[in-house]
Amino acid sequence: MTKPVKPTTSANRVEDSKLTDAEFRLFTDFLRDRCGLHFDENNRYLVEKRLARRIHEAEFGSFTSYFYQLRNGSSAEGEFSTIVDMLTTNETYFFRERTQLLALVEEIIPSILSRRNGDSRPVAIWSAGCSSGEEPFSIVMSGLEAGLVPGRDFRVYGSDISRAVLSRARRGVYREASFRETKETIRQRYFAEKDGLARISDSVKRHVDFVHMNLLDESKVSLLGMMDVILCRNVIIYFDLETKKRVMKTFHDKLNPGAYLLLGHSESLINVTADFELKHLRHDLVYRRPVAGEERVDSWHSLARAGITEAESTRSRR
């Protein structure tokens, strides 16, 4: 018996099609230049399938026509946000890498406040790449638990390139997966449960200002004031070396002398920059923008500078 042949539709053709080498370079170069996202051949299948899915959903027809829409279409800005969401993982949860949060509220914020000399400004904290809000809200809750007063002792700003996750952050409503590291007492104190969802209390929510921001958009970043602490955790893993250097230069310029930079535990500035010193705190290791005249000899700096010099020498020989 002859099996019926499944008709071939335009949607089937798009989903089954492959990116040419030229198309792959067009998309990946565009994403890297626009927002720093780096995809190489190891990510080609992921990029191909997710682009194809979006083309099918929005009926753009082909990879080439979709690229034109991303560059020149009437809805290019919204479409760019959509594809960034599709190509990145925004998985996070409350109190991730808890020891850093303890270092922040028990050591860093008190030390900055003690150096204010009568200056009543709160410590300015920027959660760069805040996703759906778990990190900045965790900072506020940790501060409250440590006896600090949000608004008086510290103020938190959260930014992300994804409008979709920022919308979820502003709503402040979370599913069970966000609470894998949350103590039950904290959950009861700061969340209201309803229909399997948990809404964060206004006593926490009102102390975070959210803003849509591309870390490579220098004009937008310039609108932020100087910061005392920047958290950019598990974000630069998506960047290539040149983009990492560019973002770290931005962070260095936005941090006050003596201010702190907190990266994810799997991230390092070795081979990226030697502009920060490694600070050993009781709870964790963090980076710090040195104060002029107070730079101290640190083996990390020698290692970082040697790595950067070697990398730049290798590139110049190519």
C-alpha atoms as a PDB file:
ATOM      1  CA  MET A   1       0.000   0.000   0.000  1.00  0.00           C
ATOM      2  CA  THR A   2       1.360   3.368  -0.986  1.00  0.00           C
ATOM      3  CA  LYS A   3       1.701   5.866   1.860  1.00  0.00           C
ATOM      4  CA  PRO A   4       0.232   9.285   1.207  1.00  0.00           C
ATOM      5  CA  VAL A   5       2.789  11.963   0.588  1.00  0.00           C
ATOM      6  CA  LYS A   6       2.672  14.801   3.073  1.00  0.00           C
ATOM      7  CA  PRO A   7       2.246  18.062   1.171  1.00  0.00           C
ATOM      8  CA  THR A   8       5.180  20.429   1.367  1.00  0.00           C
ATOM      9  CA  THR A   9       4.209  23.855   2.703  1.00  0.00           C
ATOM     10  CA  SER A  10       6.230  27.043   2.963  1.00  0.00           C
ATOM     11  CA  ALA A  11       6.339  26.514   6.724  1.00  0.00           C
ATOM     12  CA  ASN A  12       7.824  23.046   6.256  1.00  0.00           C
ATOM     13  CA  ARG A  13      10.410  24.434   3.871  1.00  0.00           C
ATOM     14  CA  VAL A  14      11.481  27.160   6.294  1.00  0.00           C
ATOM     15  CA  GLU A  15      11.706  24.806   9.279  1.00  0.00           C
ATOM     16  CA  ASP A  16      13.706  22.261   7.283  1.00  0.00           C
ATOM     17  CA  SER A  17      15.991  24.767   5.581  1.00  0.00           C
ATOM     18  CA  LYS A  18      19.572  25.434   6.571  1.00  0.00           C
ATOM     19  CA  LEU A  19      21.383  28.704   7.082  1.00  0.00           C
ATOM     20  CA  THR A  20      24.035  29.247   4.431  1.00  0.00           C
ATOM     21  CA  ASP A  21      27.469  30.261   5.686  1.00  0.00           C
ATOM     22  CA  ALA A  22      26.808  33.808   4.499  1.00  0.00           C
ATOM     23  CA  GLU A  23      23.432  33.984   6.271  1.00  0.00           C
ATOM     24  CA  PHE A  24      24.895  32.597   9.475  1.00  0.00           C
ATOM     25  CA  ARG A  25      27.594  35.283   9.425  1.00  0.00           C
ATOM     26  CA  LEU A  26      25.036  38.003   8.705  1.00  0.00           C
ATOM     27  CA  PHE A  27      22.914  37.088  11.719  1.00  0.00           C
ATOM     28  CA  THR A  28      25.769  36.411  14.135  1.00  0.00           C
ATOM     29  CA  ASP A  29      27.696  39.558  13.176  1.00  0.00           C
ATOM     30  CA  PHE A  30      24.517  41.603  13.552  1.00  0.00           C
ATOM     31  CA  LEU A  31      23.798  40.198  17.021  1.00  0.00           C
ATOM     32  CA  ARG A  32      27.385  40.651  18.182  1.00  0.00           C
ATOM     33  CA  ASP A  33      27.602  44.241  16.943  1.00  0.00           C
ATOM     34  CA  ARG A  34      24.160  45.206  18.223  1.00  0.00           C
ATOM     35  CA  CYS A  35      24.158  43.698  21.713  1.00  0.00           C
ATOM     36  CA  GLY A  36      27.329  41.632  22.199  1.00  0.00           C
ATOM     37  CA  LEU A  37      25.763  38.167  21.896  1.00  0.00           C
ATOM     38  CA  HIS A  38      28.338  35.759  20.498  1.00  0.00           C
ATOM     39  CA  PHE A  39      27.417  32.603  18.585  1.00  0.00           C
ATOM     40  CA  ASP A  40      29.970  30.375  16.860  1.00  0.00           C
ATOM     41  CA  GLU A  41      29.738  27.158  14.861  1.00  0.00           C
ATOM     42  CA  ASN A  42      29.011  25.227  18.040  1.00  0.00           C
ATOM     43  CA  ASN A  43      25.763  27.197  18.364  1.00  0.00           C
ATOM     44  CA  ARG A  44      24.813  27.060  14.692  1.00  0.00           C
ATOM     45  CA  TYR A  45      22.080  24.437  15.061  1.00  0.00           C
ATOM     46  CA  LEU A  46      20.445  26.375  17.927  1.00  0.00           C
ATOM     47  CA  VAL A  47      20.521  29.653  15.981  1.00  0.00           C
ATOM     48  CA  GLU A  48      19.192  27.978  12.849  1.00  0.00           C
ATOM     49  CA  LYS A  49      16.263  26.238  14.529  1.00  0.00           C
ATOM     50  CA  ARG A  50      15.168  29.212  16.623  1.00  0.00           C
ATOM     51  CA  LEU A  51      15.360  31.628  13.722  1.00  0.00           C
ATOM     52  CA  ALA A  52      13.364  29.178  11.600  1.00  0.00           C
ATOM     53  CA  ARG A  53      10.736  28.885  14.338  1.00  0.00           C
ATOM     54  CA  ARG A  54      10.337  32.664  14.472  1.00  0.00           C
ATOM     55  CA  ILE A  55      10.151  32.949  10.677  1.00  0.00           C
ATOM     56  CA  HIS A  56       7.383  30.350  10.665  1.00  0.00           C
ATOM     57  CA  GLU A  57       5.470  32.036  13.521  1.00  0.00           C
ATOM     58  CA  ALA A  58       5.564  35.513  11.965  1.00  0.00           C
ATOM     59  CA  GLU A  59       5.422  34.345   8.323  1.00  0.00           C
ATOM     60  CA  PHE A  60       8.558  36.189   7.240  1.00  0.00           C
ATOM     61  CA  GLY A  61       9.173  33.675   4.438  1.00  0.00           C
ATOM     62  CA  SER A  62      12.936  33.128   4.478  1.00  0.00           C
ATOM     63  CA  PHE A  63      16.117  33.797   6.448  1.00  0.00           C
ATOM     64  CA  THR A  64      17.057  36.613   4.068  1.00  0.00           C
ATOM     65  CA  SER A  65      13.729  38.405   4.316  1.00  0.00           C
ATOM     66  CA  TYR A  66      13.789  38.016   8.095  1.00  0.00           C
ATOM     67  CA  PHE A  67      17.248  39.580   8.274  1.00  0.00           C
ATOM     68  CA  TYR A  68      15.934  42.518   6.270  1.00  0.00           C
ATOM     69  CA  GLN A  69      13.075  42.924   8.772  1.00  0.00           C
ATOM     70  CA  LEU A  70      15.531  42.894  11.682  1.00  0.00           C
ATOM     71  CA  ARG A  71      17.609  45.613  10.028  1.00  0.00           C
ATOM     72  CA  ASN A  72      15.026  47.782   8.292  1.00  0.00           C
ATOM     73  CA  GLY A  73      11.474  46.667   9.049  1.00  0.00           C
ATOM     74  CA  SER A  74       8.862  48.922  10.622  1.00  0.00           C
ATOM     75  CA  SER A  75       8.840  46.698  13.723  1.00  0.00           C
ATOM     76  CA  ALA A  76      12.611  46.087  13.786  1.00  0.00           C
ATOM     77  CA  GLU A  77      13.090  47.144  17.414  1.00  0.00           C
ATOM     78  CA  GLY A  78      10.351  44.863  18.732  1.00  0.00           C
ATOM     79  CA  GLU A  79      11.471  42.006  16.516  1.00  0.00           C
ATOM     80  CA  PHE A  80      15.044  42.387  17.732  1.00  0.00           C
ATOM     81  CA  SER A  81      13.832  42.021  21.345  1.00  0.00           C
ATOM     82  CA  THR A  82      11.863  38.927  20.349  1.00  0.00           C
ATOM     83  CA  ILE A  83      14.809  37.140  18.747  1.00  0.00           C
ATOM     84  CA  VAL A  84      17.129  38.032  21.650  1.00  0.00           C
ATOM     85  CA  ASP A  85      14.607  36.375  23.974  1.00  0.00           C
ATOM     86  CA  MET A  86      14.502  33.285  21.769  1.00  0.00           C
ATOM     87  CA  LEU A  87      18.289  32.934  21.544  1.00  0.00           C
ATOM     88  CA  THR A  88      19.192  33.483  25.197  1.00  0.00           C
ATOM     89  CA  THR A  89      18.426  31.665  28.426  1.00  0.00           C
ATOM     90  CA  ASN A  90      16.824  33.793  31.128  1.00  0.00           C
ATOM     91  CA  GLU A  91      16.709  31.023  33.716  1.00  0.00           C
ATOM     92  CA  THR A  92      17.405  32.335  37.205  1.00  0.00           C
ATOM     93  CA  TYR A  93      16.079  32.129  40.759  1.00  0.00           C
ATOM     94  CA  PHE A  94      16.036  33.977  44.053  1.00  0.00           C
ATOM     95  CA  PHE A  95      19.217  34.069  46.191  1.00  0.00           C
ATOM     96  CA  ARG A  96      21.402  32.598  43.463  1.00  0.00           C
ATOM     97  CA  GLU A  97      25.059  32.461  44.618  1.00  0.00           C
ATOM     98  CA  ARG A  98      23.975  33.429  48.110  1.00  0.00           C
ATOM     99  CA  THR A  99      27.485  34.012  49.495  1.00  0.00           C
ATOM    100  CA  GLN A 100      27.890  37.029  47.201  1.00  0.00           C
ATOM    101  CA  LEU A 101      24.647  38.503  48.476  1.00  0.00           C
ATOM    102  CA  LEU A 102      25.867  38.022  52.049  1.00  0.00           C
ATOM    103  CA  ALA A 103      29.133  39.760  51.144  1.00  0.00           C
ATOM    104  CA  LEU A 104      27.130  42.602  49.628  1.00  0.00           C
ATOM    105  CA  VAL A 105      24.803  43.308  52.562  1.00  0.00           C
ATOM    106  CA  GLU A 106      27.099  42.351  55.462  1.00  0.00           C
ATOM    107  CA  GLU A 107      30.429  43.718  54.177  1.00  0.00           C
ATOM    108  CA  ILE A 108      30.279  45.869  51.055  1.00  0.00           C
ATOM    109  CA  ILE A 109      27.322  48.157  51.795  1.00  0.00           C
ATOM    110  CA  PRO A 110      28.344  48.782  55.437  1.00  0.00           C
ATOM    111  CA  SER A 111      31.945  49.550  54.389  1.00  0.00           C
ATOM    112  CA  ILE A 112      30.779  52.066  51.773  1.00  0.00           C
ATOM    113  CA  LEU A 113      28.385  53.730  54.218  1.00  0.00           C
ATOM    114  CA  SER A 114      31.149  54.019  56.801  1.00  0.00           C
ATOM    115  CA  ARG A 115      33.269  55.987  54.312  1.00  0.00           C
ATOM    116  CA  ARG A 116      30.520  58.470  53.421  1.00  0.00           C
ATOM    117  CA  ASN A 117      31.648  61.066  55.998  1.00  0.00           C
ATOM    118  CA  GLY A 118      28.238  62.596  56.471  1.00  0.00           C
ATOM    119  CA  ASP A 119      27.083  62.029  52.880  1.00  0.00           C
ATOM    120  CA  SER A 120      23.524  60.717  53.209  1.00  0.00           C
ATOM    121  CA  ARG A 121      23.232  59.261  49.688  1.00  0.00           C
ATOM    122  CA  PRO A 122      22.203  55.581  49.611  1.00  0.00           C
ATOM    123  CA  VAL A 123      24.617  53.045  48.124  1.00  0.00           C
ATOM    124  CA  ALA A 124      23.769  52.793  44.405  1.00  0.00           C
ATOM    125  CA  ILE A 125      23.565  49.181  43.178  1.00  0.00           C
ATOM    126  CA  TRP A 126      23.079  48.185  39.535  1.00  0.00           C
ATOM    127  CA  SER A 127      21.916  44.668  38.648  1.00  0.00           C
ATOM    128  CA  ALA A 128      23.006  44.523  34.985  1.00  0.00           C
ATOM    129  CA  GLY A 129      21.278  41.693  33.166  1.00  0.00           C
ATOM    130  CA  CYS A 130      18.626  41.315  35.868  1.00  0.00           C
ATOM    131  CA  SER A 131      16.369  39.015  33.825  1.00  0.00           C
ATOM    132  CA  SER A 132      12.928  38.608  35.446  1.00  0.00           C
ATOM    133  CA  GLY A 133      13.899  40.410  38.646  1.00  0.00           C
ATOM    134  CA  GLU A 134      14.965  37.669  41.015  1.00  0.00           C
ATOM    135  CA  GLU A 135      18.444  39.131  41.544  1.00  0.00           C
ATOM    136  CA  PRO A 136      17.529  42.755  42.391  1.00  0.00           C
ATOM    137  CA  PHE A 137      14.647  41.620  44.576  1.00  0.00           C
ATOM    138  CA  SER A 138      17.006  39.203  46.344  1.00  0.00           C
ATOM    139  CA  ILE A 139      19.319  42.136  47.069  1.00  0.00           C
ATOM    140  CA  VAL A 140      16.500  44.089  48.693  1.00  0.00           C
ATOM    141  CA  MET A 141      15.334  41.111  50.758  1.00  0.00           C
ATOM    142  CA  SER A 142      18.900  40.318  51.841  1.00  0.00           C
ATOM    143  CA  GLY A 143      19.379  43.936  52.865  1.00  0.00           C
ATOM    144  CA  LEU A 144      16.191  43.926  54.919  1.00  0.00           C
ATOM    145  CA  GLU A 145      17.234  40.706  56.638  1.00  0.00           C
ATOM    146  CA  ALA A 146      20.616  42.273  57.466  1.00  0.00           C
ATOM    147  CA  GLY A 147      18.955  45.260  59.134  1.00  0.00           C
ATOM    148  CA  LEU A 148      19.584  47.738  56.303  1.00  0.00           C
ATOM    149  CA  VAL A 149      16.937  50.229  55.210  1.00  0.00           C
ATOM    150  CA  PRO A 150      16.204  50.297  51.448  1.00  0.00           C
ATOM    151  CA  GLY A 151      15.968  53.823  50.136  1.00  0.00           C
ATOM    152  CA  ARG A 152      18.098  55.157  52.964  1.00  0.00           C
ATOM    153  CA  ASP A 153      21.058  52.770  53.009  1.00  0.00           C
ATOM    154  CA  PHE A 154      20.904  51.490  49.430  1.00  0.00           C
ATOM    155  CA  ARG A 155      18.982  51.776  46.183  1.00  0.00           C
ATOM    156  CA  VAL A 156      18.756  49.089  43.483  1.00  0.00           C
ATOM    157  CA  TYR A 157      18.520  49.502  39.706  1.00  0.00           C
ATOM    158  CA  GLY A 158      17.819  46.557  37.410  1.00  0.00           C
ATOM    159  CA  SER A 159      18.419  46.482  33.655  1.00  0.00           C
ATOM    160  CA  ASP A 160      18.079  43.939  30.881  1.00  0.00           C
ATOM    161  CA  ILE A 161      18.103  43.898  27.093  1.00  0.00           C
ATOM    162  CA  SER A 162      14.922  41.805  27.027  1.00  0.00           C
ATOM    163  CA  ARG A 163      11.673  43.747  27.283  1.00  0.00           C
ATOM    164  CA  ALA A 164       9.785  40.509  27.916  1.00  0.00           C
ATOM    165  CA  VAL A 165      11.698  39.564  31.063  1.00  0.00           C
ATOM    166  CA  LEU A 166      11.576  43.165  32.327  1.00  0.00           C
ATOM    167  CA  SER A 167       7.807  43.048  31.987  1.00  0.00           C
ATOM    168  CA  ARG A 168       7.768  39.938  34.191  1.00  0.00           C
ATOM    169  CA  ALA A 169      10.102  41.645  36.671  1.00  0.00           C
ATOM    170  CA  ARG A 170       7.790  44.642  36.956  1.00  0.00           C
ATOM    171  CA  ARG A 171       4.815  42.336  37.588  1.00  0.00           C
ATOM    172  CA  GLY A 172       6.740  40.533  40.318  1.00  0.00           C
ATOM    173  CA  VAL A 173       4.817  37.256  40.024  1.00  0.00           C
ATOM    174  CA  TYR A 174       6.787  33.999  40.149  1.00  0.00           C
ATOM    175  CA  ARG A 175       6.410  30.256  39.719  1.00  0.00           C
ATOM    176  CA  GLU A 176       7.845  27.531  41.933  1.00  0.00           C
ATOM    177  CA  ALA A 177      11.090  27.222  39.948  1.00  0.00           C
ATOM    178  CA  SER A 178      12.210  30.648  41.190  1.00  0.00           C
ATOM    179  CA  PHE A 179      12.265  29.480  44.828  1.00  0.00           C
ATOM    180  CA  ARG A 180      14.728  26.591  44.755  1.00  0.00           C
ATOM    181  CA  GLU A 181      17.141  28.453  47.096  1.00  0.00           C
ATOM    182  CA  THR A 182      14.582  30.417  49.122  1.00  0.00           C
ATOM    183  CA  LYS A 183      14.009  29.686  52.795  1.00  0.00           C
ATOM    184  CA  GLU A 184      10.381  29.149  53.731  1.00  0.00           C
ATOM    185  CA  THR A 185      10.498  31.931  56.311  1.00  0.00           C
ATOM    186  CA  ILE A 186      11.637  34.400  53.632  1.00  0.00           C
ATOM    187  CA  ARG A 187       8.943  33.222  51.274  1.00  0.00           C
ATOM    188  CA  GLN A 188       6.250  33.707  53.891  1.00  0.00           C
ATOM    189  CA  ARG A 189       7.557  37.140  54.871  1.00  0.00           C
ATOM    190  CA  TYR A 190       7.893  38.713  51.434  1.00  0.00           C
ATOM    191  CA  PHE A 191       5.460  36.895  49.103  1.00  0.00           C
ATOM    192  CA  ALA A 192       1.706  36.439  48.815  1.00  0.00           C
ATOM    193  CA  GLU A 193       0.652  33.042  47.446  1.00  0.00           C
ATOM    194  CA  LYS A 194      -2.332  32.588  45.146  1.00  0.00           C
ATOM    195  CA  ASP A 195      -3.294  29.940  42.551  1.00  0.00           C
ATOM    196  CA  GLY A 196       0.168  28.380  42.514  1.00  0.00           C
ATOM    197  CA  LEU A 197       1.913  31.719  41.960  1.00  0.00           C
ATOM    198  CA  ALA A 198       3.762  33.998  44.364  1.00  0.00           C
ATOM    199  CA  ARG A 199       3.602  37.788  44.186  1.00  0.00           C
ATOM    200  CA  ILE A 200       6.413  39.777  45.779  1.00  0.00           C
ATOM    201  CA  SER A 201       5.384  42.324  48.397  1.00  0.00           C
ATOM    202  CA  ASP A 202       5.394  46.035  47.646  1.00  0.00           C
ATOM    203  CA  SER A 203       7.794  46.547  50.579  1.00  0.00           C
ATOM    204  CA  VAL A 204      10.424  44.910  48.323  1.00  0.00           C
ATOM    205  CA  LYS A 205       9.157  45.757  44.848  1.00  0.00           C
ATOM    206  CA  ARG A 206       9.072  49.534  45.295  1.00  0.00           C
ATOM    207  CA  HIS A 207      12.800  49.677  46.022  1.00  0.00           C
ATOM    208  CA  VAL A 208      13.885  48.485  42.558  1.00  0.00           C
ATOM    209  CA  ASP A 209      13.874  50.703  39.450  1.00  0.00           C
ATOM    210  CA  PHE A 210      13.815  48.697  36.216  1.00  0.00           C
ATOM    211  CA  VAL A 211      15.090  50.045  32.891  1.00  0.00           C
ATOM    212  CA  HIS A 212      15.450  48.530  29.436  1.00  0.00           C
ATOM    213  CA  MET A 213      19.122  48.698  28.481  1.00  0.00           C
ATOM    214  CA  ASN A 214      21.614  47.295  26.002  1.00  0.00           C
ATOM    215  CA  LEU A 215      25.032  47.257  27.697  1.00  0.00           C
ATOM    216  CA  LEU A 216      26.628  48.266  24.381  1.00  0.00           C
ATOM    217  CA  ASP A 217      24.415  51.343  24.053  1.00  0.00           C
ATOM    218  CA  GLU A 218      26.734  53.958  25.521  1.00  0.00           C
ATOM    219  CA  SER A 219      24.191  56.773  25.216  1.00  0.00           C
ATOM    220  CA  LYS A 220      21.652  54.829  27.301  1.00  0.00           C
ATOM    221  CA  VAL A 221      24.213  53.691  29.867  1.00  0.00           C
ATOM    222  CA  SER A 222      25.354  57.290  30.276  1.00  0.00           C
ATOM    223  CA  LEU A 223      21.919  58.174  31.658  1.00  0.00           C
ATOM    224  CA  LEU A 224      22.671  56.095  34.754  1.00  0.00           C
ATOM    225  CA  GLY A 225      24.478  57.885  37.530  1.00  0.00           C
ATOM    226  CA  MET A 226      27.717  56.682  39.066  1.00  0.00           C
ATOM    227  CA  MET A 227      27.442  53.360  40.873  1.00  0.00           C
ATOM    228  CA  ASP A 228      28.880  51.943  44.092  1.00  0.00           C
ATOM    229  CA  VAL A 229      28.219  48.296  43.186  1.00  0.00           C
ATOM    230  CA  ILE A 230      27.542  46.566  39.869  1.00  0.00           C
ATOM    231  CA  LEU A 231      26.339  42.972  39.712  1.00  0.00           C
ATOM    232  CA  CYS A 232      26.691  41.389  36.271  1.00  0.00           C
ATOM    233  CA  ARG A 233      26.430  37.708  37.033  1.00  0.00           C
ATOM    234  CA  ASN A 234      26.260  34.974  34.400  1.00  0.00           C
ATOM    235  CA  VAL A 235      25.905  37.539  31.599  1.00  0.00           C
ATOM    236  CA  ILE A 236      29.345  37.934  30.014  1.00  0.00           C
ATOM    237  CA  ILE A 237      29.434  34.202  29.256  1.00  0.00           C
ATOM    238  CA  TYR A 238      27.440  35.180  26.135  1.00  0.00           C
ATOM    239  CA  PHE A 239      30.105  37.681  24.970  1.00  0.00           C
ATOM    240  CA  ASP A 240      33.278  37.265  22.950  1.00  0.00           C
ATOM    241  CA  LEU A 241      36.546  38.694  24.278  1.00  0.00           C
ATOM    242  CA  GLU A 242      36.322  42.073  22.569  1.00  0.00           C
ATOM    243  CA  THR A 243      32.778  42.615  23.835  1.00  0.00           C
ATOM    244  CA  LYS A 244      33.787  41.602  27.356  1.00  0.00           C
ATOM    245  CA  LYS A 245      36.545  44.213  27.253  1.00  0.00           C
ATOM    246  CA  ARG A 246      34.124  46.852  26.031  1.00  0.00           C
ATOM    247  CA  VAL A 247      31.565  46.089  28.739  1.00  0.00           C
ATOM    248  CA  MET A 248      34.216  46.021  31.473  1.00  0.00           C
ATOM    249  CA  LYS A 249      35.451  49.443  30.307  1.00  0.00           C
ATOM    250  CA  THR A 250      31.867  50.698  30.651  1.00  0.00           C
ATOM    251  CA  PHE A 251      31.574  49.238  34.151  1.00  0.00           C
ATOM    252  CA  HIS A 252      34.920  50.705  35.187  1.00  0.00           C
ATOM    253  CA  ASP A 253      33.780  54.153  34.035  1.00  0.00           C
ATOM    254  CA  LYS A 254      30.427  53.843  35.842  1.00  0.00           C
ATOM    255  CA  LEU A 255      31.914  52.748  39.176  1.00  0.00           C
ATOM    256  CA  ASN A 256      33.153  55.217  41.753  1.00  0.00           C
ATOM    257  CA  PRO A 257      36.766  54.675  42.890  1.00  0.00           C
ATOM    258  CA  GLY A 258      36.670  52.004  45.585  1.00  0.00           C
ATOM    259  CA  ALA A 259      33.388  50.608  44.238  1.00  0.00           C
ATOM    260  CA  TYR A 260      32.708  46.924  43.583  1.00  0.00           C
ATOM    261  CA  LEU A 261      32.003  44.619  40.637  1.00  0.00           C
ATOM    262  CA  LEU A 262      30.394  41.219  41.280  1.00  0.00           C
ATOM    263  CA  LEU A 263      30.523  38.596  38.520  1.00  0.00           C
ATOM    264  CA  GLY A 264      29.170  35.050  38.522  1.00  0.00           C
ATOM    265  CA  HIS A 265      31.288  32.437  40.275  1.00  0.00           C
ATOM    266  CA  SER A 266      32.131  30.809  36.922  1.00  0.00           C
ATOM    267  CA  GLU A 267      33.283  34.111  35.386  1.00  0.00           C
ATOM    268  CA  SER A 268      36.687  35.759  35.554  1.00  0.00           C
ATOM    269  CA  LEU A 269      38.443  38.888  34.263  1.00  0.00           C
ATOM    270  CA  ILE A 270      41.709  37.070  33.547  1.00  0.00           C
ATOM    271  CA  ASN A 271      42.688  37.868  29.927  1.00  0.00           C
ATOM    272  CA  VAL A 272      39.958  40.543  29.864  1.00  0.00           C
ATOM    273  CA  THR A 273      41.185  43.492  31.956  1.00  0.00           C
ATOM    274  CA  ALA A 274      43.534  44.346  34.788  1.00  0.00           C
ATOM    275  CA  ASP A 275      41.652  47.521  35.734  1.00  0.00           C
ATOM    276  CA  PHE A 276      40.047  45.853  38.765  1.00  0.00           C
ATOM    277  CA  GLU A 277      41.669  44.416  41.861  1.00  0.00           C
ATOM    278  CA  LEU A 278      40.540  41.146  43.415  1.00  0.00           C
ATOM    279  CA  LYS A 279      39.184  41.770  46.907  1.00  0.00           C
ATOM    280  CA  HIS A 280      39.125  38.961  49.489  1.00  0.00           C
ATOM    281  CA  LEU A 281      36.073  39.361  51.712  1.00  0.00           C
ATOM    282  CA  ARG A 282      34.867  37.156  54.513  1.00  0.00           C
ATOM    283  CA  HIS A 283      32.045  35.655  52.464  1.00  0.00           C
ATOM    284  CA  ASP A 284      33.388  35.765  48.903  1.00  0.00           C
ATOM    285  CA  LEU A 285      35.899  37.065  46.358  1.00  0.00           C
ATOM    286  CA  VAL A 286      34.812  40.158  44.416  1.00  0.00           C
ATOM    287  CA  TYR A 287      36.359  42.748  42.115  1.00  0.00           C
ATOM    288  CA  ARG A 288      36.938  46.369  43.082  1.00  0.00           C
ATOM    289  CA  ARG A 289      37.839  49.523  41.196  1.00  0.00           C
ATOM    290  CA  PRO A 290      41.050  50.652  42.902  1.00  0.00           C
ATOM    291  CA  VAL A 291      41.350  54.006  44.602  1.00  0.00           C
ATOM    292  CA  ALA A 292      44.232  56.103  43.237  1.00  0.00           C
ATOM    293  CA  GLY A 293      47.217  55.716  45.530  1.00  0.00           C
ATOM    294  CA  GLU A 294      45.800  52.653  47.277  1.00  0.00           C
ATOM    295  CA  GLU A 295      46.585  50.027  44.630  1.00  0.00           C
ATOM    296  CA  ARG A 296      48.147  46.979  46.215  1.00  0.00           C
ATOM    297  CA  VAL A 297      50.342  44.304  44.724  1.00  0.00           C
ATOM    298  CA  ASP A 298      48.223  41.272  43.913  1.00  0.00           C
ATOM    299  CA  SER A 299      49.319  38.129  42.079  1.00  0.00           C
ATOM    300  CA  TRP A 300      46.060  38.238  40.152  1.00  0.00           C
ATOM    301  CA  HIS A 301      47.084  41.495  38.487  1.00  0.00           C
ATOM    302  CA  SER A 302      50.373  40.058  37.260  1.00  0.00           C
ATOM    303  CA  LEU A 303      48.562  37.001  35.909  1.00  0.00           C
ATOM    304  CA  ALA A 304      45.870  39.113  34.240  1.00  0.00           C
ATOM    305  CA  ARG A 305      48.295  41.538  32.642  1.00  0.00           C
ATOM    306  CA  ALA A 306      50.475  38.691  31.357  1.00  0.00           C
ATOM    307  CA  GLY A 307      47.441  36.968  29.855  1.00  0.00           C
ATOM    308  CA  ILE A 308      46.207  40.148  28.183  1.00  0.00           C
ATOM    309  CA  THR A 309      49.651  40.951  26.781  1.00  0.00           C
ATOM    310  CA  GLU A 310      50.035  37.446  25.384  1.00  0.00           C
ATOM    311  CA  ALA A 311      46.541  37.485  23.827  1.00  0.00           C
ATOM    312  CA  GLU A 312      47.109  40.872  22.173  1.00  0.00           C
ATOM    313  CA  SER A 313      50.531  39.784  20.907  1.00  0.00           C
ATOM    314  CA  THR A 314      49.023  36.634  19.376  1.00  0.00           C
ATOM    315  CA  ARG A 315      46.313  38.634  17.592  1.00  0.00           C
ATOM    316  CA  SER A 316      48.827  41.129  16.207  1.00  0.00           C
ATOM    317  CA  ARG A 317      50.844  38.284  14.641  1.00  0.00           C
ATOM    318  CA  ARG A 318      47.843  36.883  12.799  1.00  0.00           C
END
